[in-house]
Amino acid sequence: MNERVIAVVTAGLTTPSSSRLLADQLSAAVADELSGRGISSRIETIEVRDHAHDLTNNLLTGFPSAELREVLETVEAADALIVVSPTFSASYSGLFKMFFDVLDDQALAGKPVLLAATGGTERHSLVLDFALRPLFAYLKALPVPTGVYAASTDWGPNAAGLRPRITQAAGELVAALHHETPTKSDPFTNPTPFEDLLNS
């Protein structure tokens, strides 16, 4: 089967950032899932912060620079998308939104997307369902059922707790690429961040 191209859009503001760290883990899990099916993959990672000035100029003039145009074309041509935004004021960051504001509004139609976000506390995990999911529904993308939210407490000694969510979401993205029904997770062994919050 032909190589699958996965575009990863991460909007962390620092280098390194927790958003990039989560993006790398998600893309590695998707690549592993594809490899397990005997399918090669190419991961194209886009750090939105590297294009902040070009994005601003694009919004002001209506025209992307050559470099930004190439990045936007990478997203449009990808087979699937992984997006990761830091959480600000209970929503995605302005820089993250700016990237998708300049993307053609039909570019993501029918494209499988894995939604992810990072933040300081578990209480922001609803950003996945109340901010990211409506945005990508508007863009006619196909978000997979499981989103991945990583709070500050999910790193370091607690990093293993993220693994089941990452694996589940990666499997769903690959299943969506092949028009399969994803395997349902067991909510008692693999709770979503919202269920974690209810049980805390």
N, C-alpha and C. Protein backbone atom coordinates (compact mmCIF):
# COMPACT_ATOMS: atom_id res chain seq x y z
N MET A 1 0.85 -1.19 0.00
CA MET A 1 0.00 0.00 0.00
C MET A 1 0.88 1.24 0.00
N ASN A 2 0.40 2.33 -0.56
CA ASN A 2 1.17 3.56 -0.62
C ASN A 2 1.47 4.11 0.76
N GLU A 3 2.53 4.89 0.84
CA GLU A 3 2.91 5.54 2.08
C GLU A 3 1.82 6.50 2.53
N ARG A 4 1.59 6.52 3.84
CA ARG A 4 0.62 7.45 4.42
C ARG A 4 1.36 8.66 4.98
N VAL A 5 0.86 9.84 4.65
CA VAL A 5 1.47 11.08 5.14
C VAL A 5 0.60 11.64 6.26
N ILE A 6 1.23 11.83 7.42
CA ILE A 6 0.53 12.38 8.58
C ILE A 6 1.11 13.76 8.88
N ALA A 7 0.28 14.79 8.78
CA ALA A 7 0.71 16.14 9.12
C ALA A 7 0.40 16.39 10.60
N VAL A 8 1.37 16.92 11.31
CA VAL A 8 1.23 17.21 12.73
C VAL A 8 1.37 18.71 12.93
N VAL A 9 0.32 19.34 13.43
CA VAL A 9 0.33 20.79 13.66
C VAL A 9 0.34 21.02 15.17
N THR A 10 1.43 21.59 15.66
CA THR A 10 1.56 21.82 17.09
C THR A 10 1.83 23.29 17.34
N ALA A 11 1.13 23.87 18.31
CA ALA A 11 1.15 25.32 18.51
C ALA A 11 1.75 25.72 19.85
N GLY A 12 2.71 24.96 20.33
CA GLY A 12 3.39 25.36 21.55
C GLY A 12 4.14 26.66 21.36
N LEU A 13 4.30 27.41 22.44
CA LEU A 13 4.92 28.73 22.34
C LEU A 13 6.39 28.73 22.73
N THR A 14 6.87 27.66 23.33
CA THR A 14 8.26 27.59 23.76
C THR A 14 8.94 26.41 23.09
N THR A 15 10.27 26.39 23.20
CA THR A 15 11.04 25.26 22.69
C THR A 15 11.99 24.78 23.79
N PRO A 16 11.78 23.54 24.29
CA PRO A 16 10.70 22.61 23.91
C PRO A 16 9.40 23.02 24.59
N SER A 17 8.32 22.40 24.15
CA SER A 17 7.01 22.66 24.76
C SER A 17 6.32 21.33 25.03
N SER A 18 5.39 21.34 25.98
CA SER A 18 4.63 20.13 26.28
C SER A 18 3.75 19.75 25.09
N SER A 19 3.31 20.76 24.32
CA SER A 19 2.49 20.46 23.14
C SER A 19 3.31 19.68 22.11
N ARG A 20 4.57 20.08 21.90
CA ARG A 20 5.42 19.34 20.96
C ARG A 20 5.72 17.94 21.50
N LEU A 21 5.94 17.83 22.78
CA LEU A 21 6.20 16.52 23.38
C LEU A 21 5.01 15.59 23.16
N LEU A 22 3.80 16.10 23.39
CA LEU A 22 2.61 15.28 23.16
C LEU A 22 2.45 14.96 21.68
N ALA A 23 2.71 15.93 20.82
CA ALA A 23 2.61 15.70 19.38
C ALA A 23 3.55 14.60 18.92
N ASP A 24 4.77 14.60 19.46
CA ASP A 24 5.75 13.57 19.08
C ASP A 24 5.29 12.19 19.53
N GLN A 25 4.71 12.10 20.73
CA GLN A 25 4.24 10.81 21.21
C GLN A 25 3.06 10.30 20.39
N LEU A 26 2.17 11.20 20.02
CA LEU A 26 1.02 10.81 19.21
C LEU A 26 1.45 10.36 17.82
N SER A 27 2.34 11.12 17.20
CA SER A 27 2.78 10.75 15.85
C SER A 27 3.55 9.45 15.85
N ALA A 28 4.35 9.20 16.89
CA ALA A 28 5.07 7.93 16.99
C ALA A 28 4.09 6.77 17.14
N ALA A 29 3.02 6.98 17.92
CA ALA A 29 2.03 5.92 18.10
C ALA A 29 1.29 5.62 16.81
N VAL A 30 0.98 6.66 16.03
CA VAL A 30 0.31 6.46 14.75
C VAL A 30 1.24 5.74 13.78
N ALA A 31 2.51 6.13 13.75
CA ALA A 31 3.48 5.47 12.88
C ALA A 31 3.62 3.99 13.26
N ASP A 32 3.63 3.70 14.56
CA ASP A 32 3.73 2.31 15.03
C ASP A 32 2.50 1.51 14.61
N GLU A 33 1.34 2.14 14.72
CA GLU A 33 0.09 1.47 14.35
C GLU A 33 0.08 1.15 12.86
N LEU A 34 0.52 2.07 12.05
CA LEU A 34 0.59 1.85 10.60
C LEU A 34 1.63 0.78 10.27
N SER A 35 2.78 0.85 10.93
CA SER A 35 3.84 -0.13 10.70
C SER A 35 3.35 -1.54 11.04
N GLY A 36 2.55 -1.65 12.09
CA GLY A 36 2.00 -2.94 12.48
C GLY A 36 1.09 -3.53 11.42
N ARG A 37 0.58 -2.68 10.56
CA ARG A 37 -0.26 -3.12 9.44
C ARG A 37 0.56 -3.29 8.16
N GLY A 38 1.87 -3.09 8.27
CA GLY A 38 2.73 -3.19 7.09
C GLY A 38 2.66 -1.99 6.19
N ILE A 39 2.29 -0.83 6.75
CA ILE A 39 2.13 0.39 5.96
C ILE A 39 3.20 1.39 6.38
N SER A 40 3.94 1.94 5.44
CA SER A 40 4.94 2.95 5.75
C SER A 40 4.27 4.30 5.94
N SER A 41 4.95 5.17 6.66
CA SER A 41 4.37 6.49 6.93
C SER A 41 5.45 7.56 6.88
N ARG A 42 5.02 8.78 6.64
CA ARG A 42 5.91 9.93 6.70
C ARG A 42 5.24 10.99 7.58
N ILE A 43 5.94 11.41 8.62
CA ILE A 43 5.40 12.39 9.55
C ILE A 43 5.95 13.77 9.18
N GLU A 44 5.05 14.71 8.94
CA GLU A 44 5.43 16.09 8.63
C GLU A 44 4.98 16.97 9.79
N THR A 45 5.95 17.39 10.63
CA THR A 45 5.61 18.17 11.82
C THR A 45 5.77 19.66 11.55
N ILE A 46 4.73 20.40 11.89
CA ILE A 46 4.70 21.85 11.67
C ILE A 46 4.60 22.55 13.02
N GLU A 47 5.64 23.30 13.35
CA GLU A 47 5.63 24.14 14.56
C GLU A 47 5.04 25.50 14.16
N VAL A 48 3.84 25.77 14.60
CA VAL A 48 3.15 26.99 14.17
C VAL A 48 3.92 28.24 14.59
N ARG A 49 4.59 28.19 15.74
CA ARG A 49 5.33 29.37 16.21
C ARG A 49 6.39 29.81 15.21
N ASP A 50 6.91 28.87 14.41
CA ASP A 50 7.93 29.22 13.42
C ASP A 50 7.37 30.05 12.27
N HIS A 51 6.04 30.09 12.16
CA HIS A 51 5.39 30.79 11.05
C HIS A 51 4.50 31.94 11.53
N ALA A 52 4.71 32.37 12.78
CA ALA A 52 3.82 33.37 13.39
C ALA A 52 3.80 34.67 12.59
N HIS A 53 4.95 35.16 12.18
CA HIS A 53 4.99 36.42 11.44
C HIS A 53 4.34 36.28 10.07
N ASP A 54 4.60 35.16 9.39
CA ASP A 54 3.99 34.93 8.08
C ASP A 54 2.47 34.81 8.19
N LEU A 55 2.01 34.19 9.28
CA LEU A 55 0.57 34.06 9.48
C LEU A 55 -0.07 35.43 9.67
N THR A 56 0.57 36.30 10.46
CA THR A 56 0.05 37.65 10.68
C THR A 56 0.00 38.42 9.36
N ASN A 57 1.08 38.32 8.60
CA ASN A 57 1.12 39.02 7.30
C ASN A 57 0.05 38.49 6.36
N ASN A 58 -0.18 37.18 6.40
CA ASN A 58 -1.22 36.57 5.56
C ASN A 58 -2.60 37.12 5.92
N LEU A 59 -2.87 37.26 7.22
CA LEU A 59 -4.16 37.80 7.64
C LEU A 59 -4.32 39.25 7.22
N LEU A 60 -3.22 40.00 7.23
CA LEU A 60 -3.29 41.42 6.89
C LEU A 60 -3.36 41.67 5.39
N THR A 61 -2.69 40.82 4.61
CA THR A 61 -2.61 41.06 3.17
C THR A 61 -3.48 40.12 2.34
N GLY A 62 -3.80 38.95 2.93
CA GLY A 62 -4.57 37.95 2.18
C GLY A 62 -3.71 37.04 1.34
N PHE A 63 -2.38 37.17 1.46
CA PHE A 63 -1.49 36.35 0.65
C PHE A 63 -0.43 35.69 1.53
N PRO A 64 -0.24 34.36 1.39
CA PRO A 64 0.80 33.69 2.18
C PRO A 64 2.17 33.87 1.54
N SER A 65 3.20 33.83 2.36
CA SER A 65 4.56 33.79 1.83
C SER A 65 4.79 32.43 1.17
N ALA A 66 5.87 32.30 0.42
CA ALA A 66 6.17 31.03 -0.24
C ALA A 66 6.34 29.92 0.79
N GLU A 67 7.00 30.23 1.91
CA GLU A 67 7.23 29.23 2.94
C GLU A 67 5.92 28.81 3.59
N LEU A 68 5.06 29.77 3.91
CA LEU A 68 3.78 29.44 4.52
C LEU A 68 2.90 28.68 3.54
N ARG A 69 2.92 29.05 2.28
CA ARG A 69 2.13 28.33 1.28
C ARG A 69 2.53 26.85 1.23
N GLU A 70 3.83 26.59 1.32
CA GLU A 70 4.30 25.21 1.30
C GLU A 70 3.79 24.44 2.51
N VAL A 71 3.78 25.09 3.67
CA VAL A 71 3.29 24.45 4.89
C VAL A 71 1.79 24.15 4.77
N LEU A 72 1.02 25.11 4.28
CA LEU A 72 -0.42 24.91 4.12
C LEU A 72 -0.70 23.79 3.13
N GLU A 73 0.08 23.72 2.07
CA GLU A 73 -0.09 22.65 1.08
C GLU A 73 0.24 21.29 1.67
N THR A 74 1.19 21.25 2.60
CA THR A 74 1.52 20.00 3.28
C THR A 74 0.31 19.48 4.06
N VAL A 75 -0.37 20.38 4.76
CA VAL A 75 -1.56 19.99 5.52
C VAL A 75 -2.67 19.54 4.58
N GLU A 76 -2.88 20.27 3.51
CA GLU A 76 -3.94 19.93 2.56
C GLU A 76 -3.71 18.56 1.91
N ALA A 77 -2.44 18.24 1.64
CA ALA A 77 -2.13 17.00 0.92
C ALA A 77 -2.03 15.78 1.84
N ALA A 78 -1.95 16.00 3.15
CA ALA A 78 -1.76 14.88 4.09
C ALA A 78 -2.98 13.96 4.09
N ASP A 79 -2.72 12.71 4.42
CA ASP A 79 -3.81 11.73 4.53
C ASP A 79 -4.59 11.91 5.83
N ALA A 80 -3.91 12.37 6.86
CA ALA A 80 -4.55 12.57 8.16
C ALA A 80 -3.78 13.64 8.91
N LEU A 81 -4.40 14.12 9.98
CA LEU A 81 -3.85 15.26 10.71
C LEU A 81 -3.87 14.97 12.21
N ILE A 82 -2.79 15.39 12.87
CA ILE A 82 -2.74 15.41 14.33
C ILE A 82 -2.57 16.87 14.73
N VAL A 83 -3.43 17.38 15.60
CA VAL A 83 -3.32 18.78 16.01
C VAL A 83 -3.20 18.86 17.53
N VAL A 84 -2.30 19.72 17.99
CA VAL A 84 -2.09 19.89 19.42
C VAL A 84 -1.99 21.38 19.74
N SER A 85 -2.82 21.84 20.66
CA SER A 85 -2.78 23.24 21.07
C SER A 85 -2.62 23.33 22.58
N PRO A 86 -1.84 24.30 23.05
CA PRO A 86 -1.90 24.61 24.48
C PRO A 86 -3.24 25.25 24.79
N THR A 87 -3.65 25.18 26.03
CA THR A 87 -4.95 25.73 26.43
C THR A 87 -4.77 27.12 27.05
N PHE A 88 -5.52 28.08 26.50
CA PHE A 88 -5.53 29.44 27.04
C PHE A 88 -6.97 29.88 27.22
N SER A 89 -7.31 30.34 28.43
CA SER A 89 -8.67 30.82 28.71
C SER A 89 -9.72 29.80 28.27
N ALA A 90 -9.47 28.54 28.61
CA ALA A 90 -10.41 27.44 28.34
C ALA A 90 -10.63 27.15 26.86
N SER A 91 -9.68 27.57 26.00
CA SER A 91 -9.82 27.32 24.57
C SER A 91 -8.44 27.09 23.96
N TYR A 92 -8.43 26.88 22.63
CA TYR A 92 -7.15 26.75 21.93
C TYR A 92 -6.47 28.12 21.89
N SER A 93 -5.19 28.12 21.59
CA SER A 93 -4.45 29.37 21.57
C SER A 93 -4.78 30.19 20.32
N GLY A 94 -4.54 31.51 20.41
CA GLY A 94 -4.78 32.36 19.26
C GLY A 94 -3.90 32.00 18.08
N LEU A 95 -2.66 31.60 18.36
CA LEU A 95 -1.74 31.21 17.30
C LEU A 95 -2.24 29.97 16.56
N PHE A 96 -2.76 29.02 17.32
CA PHE A 96 -3.33 27.81 16.73
C PHE A 96 -4.50 28.16 15.81
N LYS A 97 -5.40 29.02 16.30
CA LYS A 97 -6.57 29.42 15.51
C LYS A 97 -6.15 30.19 14.26
N MET A 98 -5.12 31.02 14.39
CA MET A 98 -4.65 31.80 13.25
C MET A 98 -4.22 30.88 12.10
N PHE A 99 -3.57 29.78 12.44
CA PHE A 99 -3.12 28.85 11.40
C PHE A 99 -4.30 28.31 10.60
N PHE A 100 -5.35 27.91 11.30
CA PHE A 100 -6.50 27.34 10.60
C PHE A 100 -7.40 28.41 9.98
N ASP A 101 -7.24 29.67 10.42
CA ASP A 101 -7.96 30.77 9.77
C ASP A 101 -7.45 31.03 8.36
N VAL A 102 -6.16 30.81 8.13
CA VAL A 102 -5.61 31.08 6.79
C VAL A 102 -5.65 29.86 5.89
N LEU A 103 -5.95 28.70 6.45
CA LEU A 103 -6.09 27.49 5.64
C LEU A 103 -7.39 27.56 4.85
N ASP A 104 -7.38 27.09 3.62
CA ASP A 104 -8.60 27.07 2.82
C ASP A 104 -9.70 26.31 3.57
N ASP A 105 -10.91 26.86 3.57
CA ASP A 105 -11.96 26.27 4.40
C ASP A 105 -12.46 24.92 3.90
N GLN A 106 -11.98 24.46 2.74
CA GLN A 106 -12.31 23.12 2.26
C GLN A 106 -11.13 22.15 2.36
N ALA A 107 -10.01 22.65 2.88
CA ALA A 107 -8.78 21.85 2.86
C ALA A 107 -8.86 20.59 3.71
N LEU A 108 -9.67 20.63 4.77
CA LEU A 108 -9.73 19.49 5.68
C LEU A 108 -10.99 18.65 5.50
N ALA A 109 -11.79 18.95 4.50
CA ALA A 109 -13.04 18.22 4.30
C ALA A 109 -12.78 16.73 4.14
N GLY A 110 -13.40 15.94 5.02
CA GLY A 110 -13.27 14.50 4.95
C GLY A 110 -11.96 13.94 5.47
N LYS A 111 -11.11 14.78 6.04
CA LYS A 111 -9.79 14.32 6.50
C LYS A 111 -9.86 13.89 7.97
N PRO A 112 -9.37 12.69 8.30
CA PRO A 112 -9.35 12.26 9.71
C PRO A 112 -8.39 13.13 10.52
N VAL A 113 -8.82 13.50 11.73
CA VAL A 113 -8.02 14.37 12.59
C VAL A 113 -8.02 13.83 14.01
N LEU A 114 -6.84 13.79 14.61
CA LEU A 114 -6.70 13.43 16.02
C LEU A 114 -6.52 14.73 16.79
N LEU A 115 -7.40 15.00 17.74
CA LEU A 115 -7.40 16.24 18.51
C LEU A 115 -6.66 16.05 19.83
N ALA A 116 -5.79 17.00 20.15
CA ALA A 116 -5.05 16.93 21.41
C ALA A 116 -4.79 18.32 21.95
N ALA A 117 -4.60 18.40 23.25
CA ALA A 117 -4.32 19.69 23.88
C ALA A 117 -3.51 19.47 25.15
N THR A 118 -2.84 20.53 25.59
CA THR A 118 -2.09 20.49 26.83
C THR A 118 -2.53 21.66 27.71
N GLY A 119 -2.31 21.52 29.01
CA GLY A 119 -2.68 22.59 29.93
C GLY A 119 -2.15 22.33 31.31
N GLY A 120 -2.33 23.29 32.18
CA GLY A 120 -1.76 23.17 33.51
C GLY A 120 -2.55 22.28 34.46
N THR A 121 -3.84 22.13 34.20
CA THR A 121 -4.68 21.36 35.12
C THR A 121 -5.68 20.51 34.35
N GLU A 122 -6.10 19.41 34.97
CA GLU A 122 -7.08 18.51 34.34
C GLU A 122 -8.41 19.21 34.07
N ARG A 123 -8.69 20.28 34.78
CA ARG A 123 -9.98 20.96 34.63
C ARG A 123 -10.16 21.62 33.26
N HIS A 124 -9.06 21.75 32.52
CA HIS A 124 -9.15 22.32 31.18
C HIS A 124 -9.38 21.27 30.11
N SER A 125 -9.55 20.00 30.50
CA SER A 125 -9.65 18.92 29.51
C SER A 125 -10.87 19.07 28.60
N LEU A 126 -11.87 19.81 29.04
CA LEU A 126 -13.07 19.99 28.20
C LEU A 126 -12.80 20.83 26.96
N VAL A 127 -11.59 21.42 26.88
CA VAL A 127 -11.22 22.16 25.67
C VAL A 127 -11.33 21.27 24.42
N LEU A 128 -11.14 19.98 24.59
CA LEU A 128 -11.22 19.07 23.44
C LEU A 128 -12.61 19.06 22.84
N ASP A 129 -13.61 18.95 23.69
CA ASP A 129 -14.98 18.80 23.20
C ASP A 129 -15.71 20.13 22.99
N PHE A 130 -15.32 21.16 23.72
CA PHE A 130 -16.05 22.42 23.64
C PHE A 130 -15.37 23.49 22.79
N ALA A 131 -14.13 23.24 22.37
CA ALA A 131 -13.43 24.21 21.51
C ALA A 131 -12.88 23.54 20.26
N LEU A 132 -12.03 22.54 20.43
CA LEU A 132 -11.39 21.91 19.27
C LEU A 132 -12.38 21.15 18.39
N ARG A 133 -13.23 20.35 19.00
CA ARG A 133 -14.14 19.53 18.19
C ARG A 133 -15.11 20.40 17.35
N PRO A 134 -15.71 21.44 17.89
CA PRO A 134 -16.56 22.30 17.03
C PRO A 134 -15.79 22.97 15.90
N LEU A 135 -14.55 23.39 16.17
CA LEU A 135 -13.74 24.03 15.12
C LEU A 135 -13.54 23.09 13.95
N PHE A 136 -13.16 21.85 14.23
CA PHE A 136 -12.87 20.92 13.14
C PHE A 136 -14.13 20.34 12.51
N ALA A 137 -15.22 20.35 13.24
CA ALA A 137 -16.50 20.00 12.62
C ALA A 137 -16.88 21.08 11.61
N TYR A 138 -16.66 22.34 11.96
CA TYR A 138 -16.94 23.44 11.04
C TYR A 138 -16.08 23.33 9.78
N LEU A 139 -14.85 22.88 9.94
CA LEU A 139 -13.94 22.73 8.80
C LEU A 139 -14.20 21.44 8.02
N LYS A 140 -15.25 20.71 8.40
CA LYS A 140 -15.69 19.49 7.72
C LYS A 140 -14.68 18.35 7.82
N ALA A 141 -13.80 18.44 8.82
CA ALA A 141 -12.87 17.34 9.08
C ALA A 141 -13.60 16.23 9.83
N LEU A 142 -12.91 15.12 10.04
CA LEU A 142 -13.50 13.97 10.72
C LEU A 142 -12.70 13.66 11.99
N PRO A 143 -12.96 14.37 13.09
CA PRO A 143 -12.23 14.09 14.33
C PRO A 143 -12.52 12.68 14.84
N VAL A 144 -11.47 11.98 15.29
CA VAL A 144 -11.68 10.65 15.84
C VAL A 144 -12.30 10.78 17.22
N PRO A 145 -12.96 9.73 17.73
CA PRO A 145 -13.69 9.85 18.99
C PRO A 145 -12.84 10.23 20.20
N THR A 146 -11.64 9.67 20.29
CA THR A 146 -10.81 9.91 21.47
C THR A 146 -9.87 11.09 21.25
N GLY A 147 -10.03 12.12 22.07
CA GLY A 147 -9.07 13.21 22.10
C GLY A 147 -8.10 12.97 23.25
N VAL A 148 -6.94 13.57 23.17
CA VAL A 148 -5.92 13.37 24.21
C VAL A 148 -5.57 14.72 24.84
N TYR A 149 -5.80 14.80 26.13
CA TYR A 149 -5.45 16.00 26.88
C TYR A 149 -4.36 15.64 27.88
N ALA A 150 -3.32 16.44 27.94
CA ALA A 150 -2.23 16.20 28.88
C ALA A 150 -2.07 17.41 29.80
N ALA A 151 -2.29 17.20 31.08
CA ALA A 151 -2.06 18.25 32.08
C ALA A 151 -0.62 18.16 32.58
N SER A 152 -0.23 19.13 33.37
CA SER A 152 1.14 19.13 33.91
C SER A 152 1.43 17.85 34.69
N THR A 153 0.41 17.32 35.35
CA THR A 153 0.60 16.11 36.16
C THR A 153 0.75 14.84 35.32
N ASP A 154 0.54 14.94 34.01
CA ASP A 154 0.67 13.77 33.14
C ASP A 154 2.10 13.54 32.66
N TRP A 155 3.02 14.40 33.08
CA TRP A 155 4.41 14.24 32.67
C TRP A 155 5.24 13.75 33.85
N GLY A 156 6.47 13.39 33.60
CA GLY A 156 7.34 12.91 34.66
C GLY A 156 6.90 11.54 35.15
N PRO A 157 6.80 11.34 36.46
CA PRO A 157 6.47 10.02 37.01
C PRO A 157 5.10 9.49 36.56
N ASN A 158 4.21 10.40 36.17
CA ASN A 158 2.85 9.97 35.79
C ASN A 158 2.67 9.79 34.29
N ALA A 159 3.75 9.85 33.52
CA ALA A 159 3.65 9.83 32.07
C ALA A 159 3.00 8.55 31.54
N ALA A 160 3.15 7.46 32.26
CA ALA A 160 2.57 6.19 31.81
C ALA A 160 1.05 6.25 31.72
N GLY A 161 0.44 7.15 32.49
CA GLY A 161 -1.01 7.27 32.47
C GLY A 161 -1.55 7.79 31.15
N LEU A 162 -0.71 8.49 30.40
CA LEU A 162 -1.12 9.01 29.10
C LEU A 162 -1.16 7.92 28.04
N ARG A 163 -0.36 6.88 28.23
CA ARG A 163 -0.14 5.92 27.17
C ARG A 163 -1.42 5.27 26.64
N PRO A 164 -2.34 4.82 27.51
CA PRO A 164 -3.56 4.19 26.97
C PRO A 164 -4.38 5.13 26.09
N ARG A 165 -4.46 6.42 26.47
CA ARG A 165 -5.21 7.38 25.65
C ARG A 165 -4.53 7.62 24.31
N ILE A 166 -3.21 7.72 24.34
CA ILE A 166 -2.45 7.92 23.10
C ILE A 166 -2.63 6.74 22.17
N THR A 167 -2.51 5.53 22.72
CA THR A 167 -2.66 4.31 21.91
C THR A 167 -4.06 4.20 21.33
N GLN A 168 -5.07 4.49 22.14
CA GLN A 168 -6.46 4.43 21.68
C GLN A 168 -6.71 5.41 20.55
N ALA A 169 -6.27 6.66 20.74
CA ALA A 169 -6.49 7.69 19.73
C ALA A 169 -5.74 7.37 18.44
N ALA A 170 -4.52 6.87 18.55
CA ALA A 170 -3.74 6.51 17.37
C ALA A 170 -4.43 5.40 16.58
N GLY A 171 -4.94 4.41 17.30
CA GLY A 171 -5.65 3.32 16.64
C GLY A 171 -6.89 3.81 15.91
N GLU A 172 -7.59 4.77 16.53
CA GLU A 172 -8.79 5.32 15.89
C GLU A 172 -8.44 6.12 14.63
N LEU A 173 -7.32 6.85 14.67
CA LEU A 173 -6.93 7.62 13.50
C LEU A 173 -6.59 6.70 12.33
N VAL A 174 -5.85 5.64 12.61
CA VAL A 174 -5.49 4.69 11.56
C VAL A 174 -6.73 3.97 11.04
N ALA A 175 -7.64 3.62 11.94
CA ALA A 175 -8.90 2.99 11.51
C ALA A 175 -9.69 3.93 10.61
N ALA A 176 -9.72 5.21 10.96
CA ALA A 176 -10.44 6.19 10.12
C ALA A 176 -9.80 6.32 8.75
N LEU A 177 -8.48 6.20 8.69
CA LEU A 177 -7.78 6.25 7.40
C LEU A 177 -8.23 5.12 6.49
N HIS A 178 -8.60 4.01 7.11
CA HIS A 178 -9.01 2.83 6.34
C HIS A 178 -10.52 2.60 6.39
N HIS A 179 -11.25 3.63 6.82
CA HIS A 179 -12.72 3.59 6.85
C HIS A 179 -13.24 2.41 7.66
N GLU A 180 -12.57 2.15 8.78
CA GLU A 180 -12.99 1.08 9.68
C GLU A 180 -13.69 1.68 10.89
N THR A 181 -14.46 0.85 11.56
CA THR A 181 -15.05 1.27 12.83
C THR A 181 -14.03 1.07 13.91
N PRO A 182 -13.64 2.12 14.64
CA PRO A 182 -12.61 1.97 15.66
C PRO A 182 -13.06 1.08 16.80
N THR A 183 -12.10 0.40 17.42
CA THR A 183 -12.38 -0.43 18.59
C THR A 183 -12.71 0.47 19.76
N LYS A 184 -13.80 0.17 20.45
CA LYS A 184 -14.18 1.00 21.58
C LYS A 184 -13.27 0.70 22.76
N SER A 185 -12.92 1.78 23.48
CA SER A 185 -12.12 1.61 24.69
C SER A 185 -13.05 1.25 25.85
N ASP A 186 -12.47 0.63 26.86
CA ASP A 186 -13.20 0.31 28.08
C ASP A 186 -13.11 1.51 29.01
N PRO A 187 -14.22 2.19 29.28
CA PRO A 187 -14.16 3.40 30.10
C PRO A 187 -13.66 3.16 31.51
N PHE A 188 -13.72 1.89 31.97
CA PHE A 188 -13.28 1.62 33.33
C PHE A 188 -11.77 1.42 33.42
N THR A 189 -11.15 1.00 32.29
CA THR A 189 -9.71 0.81 32.29
C THR A 189 -8.99 1.92 31.56
N ASN A 190 -9.71 2.66 30.74
CA ASN A 190 -9.09 3.73 29.95
C ASN A 190 -10.00 4.95 29.96
N PRO A 191 -10.14 5.61 31.11
CA PRO A 191 -11.08 6.74 31.19
C PRO A 191 -10.63 7.91 30.35
N THR A 192 -11.59 8.66 29.85
CA THR A 192 -11.28 9.92 29.18
C THR A 192 -10.92 10.94 30.24
N PRO A 193 -10.28 12.05 29.86
CA PRO A 193 -9.96 13.07 30.86
C PRO A 193 -11.19 13.58 31.60
N PHE A 194 -12.35 13.68 30.93
CA PHE A 194 -13.55 14.15 31.59
C PHE A 194 -14.00 13.17 32.65
N GLU A 195 -13.89 11.86 32.33
CA GLU A 195 -14.25 10.86 33.32
C GLU A 195 -13.27 10.86 34.48
N ASP A 196 -11.99 11.14 34.18
CA ASP A 196 -11.01 11.30 35.26
C ASP A 196 -11.43 12.39 36.22
N LEU A 197 -11.91 13.50 35.65
CA LEU A 197 -12.30 14.65 36.46
C LEU A 197 -13.51 14.30 37.33
N LEU A 198 -14.47 13.58 36.77
CA LEU A 198 -15.66 13.21 37.55
C LEU A 198 -15.31 12.27 38.69
N ASN A 199 -14.28 11.43 38.47
CA ASN A 199 -13.92 10.45 39.47
C ASN A 199 -12.92 10.97 40.48
N SER A 200 -12.47 12.23 40.29
CA SER A 200 -11.45 12.78 41.20
C SER A 200 -12.10 13.32 42.49
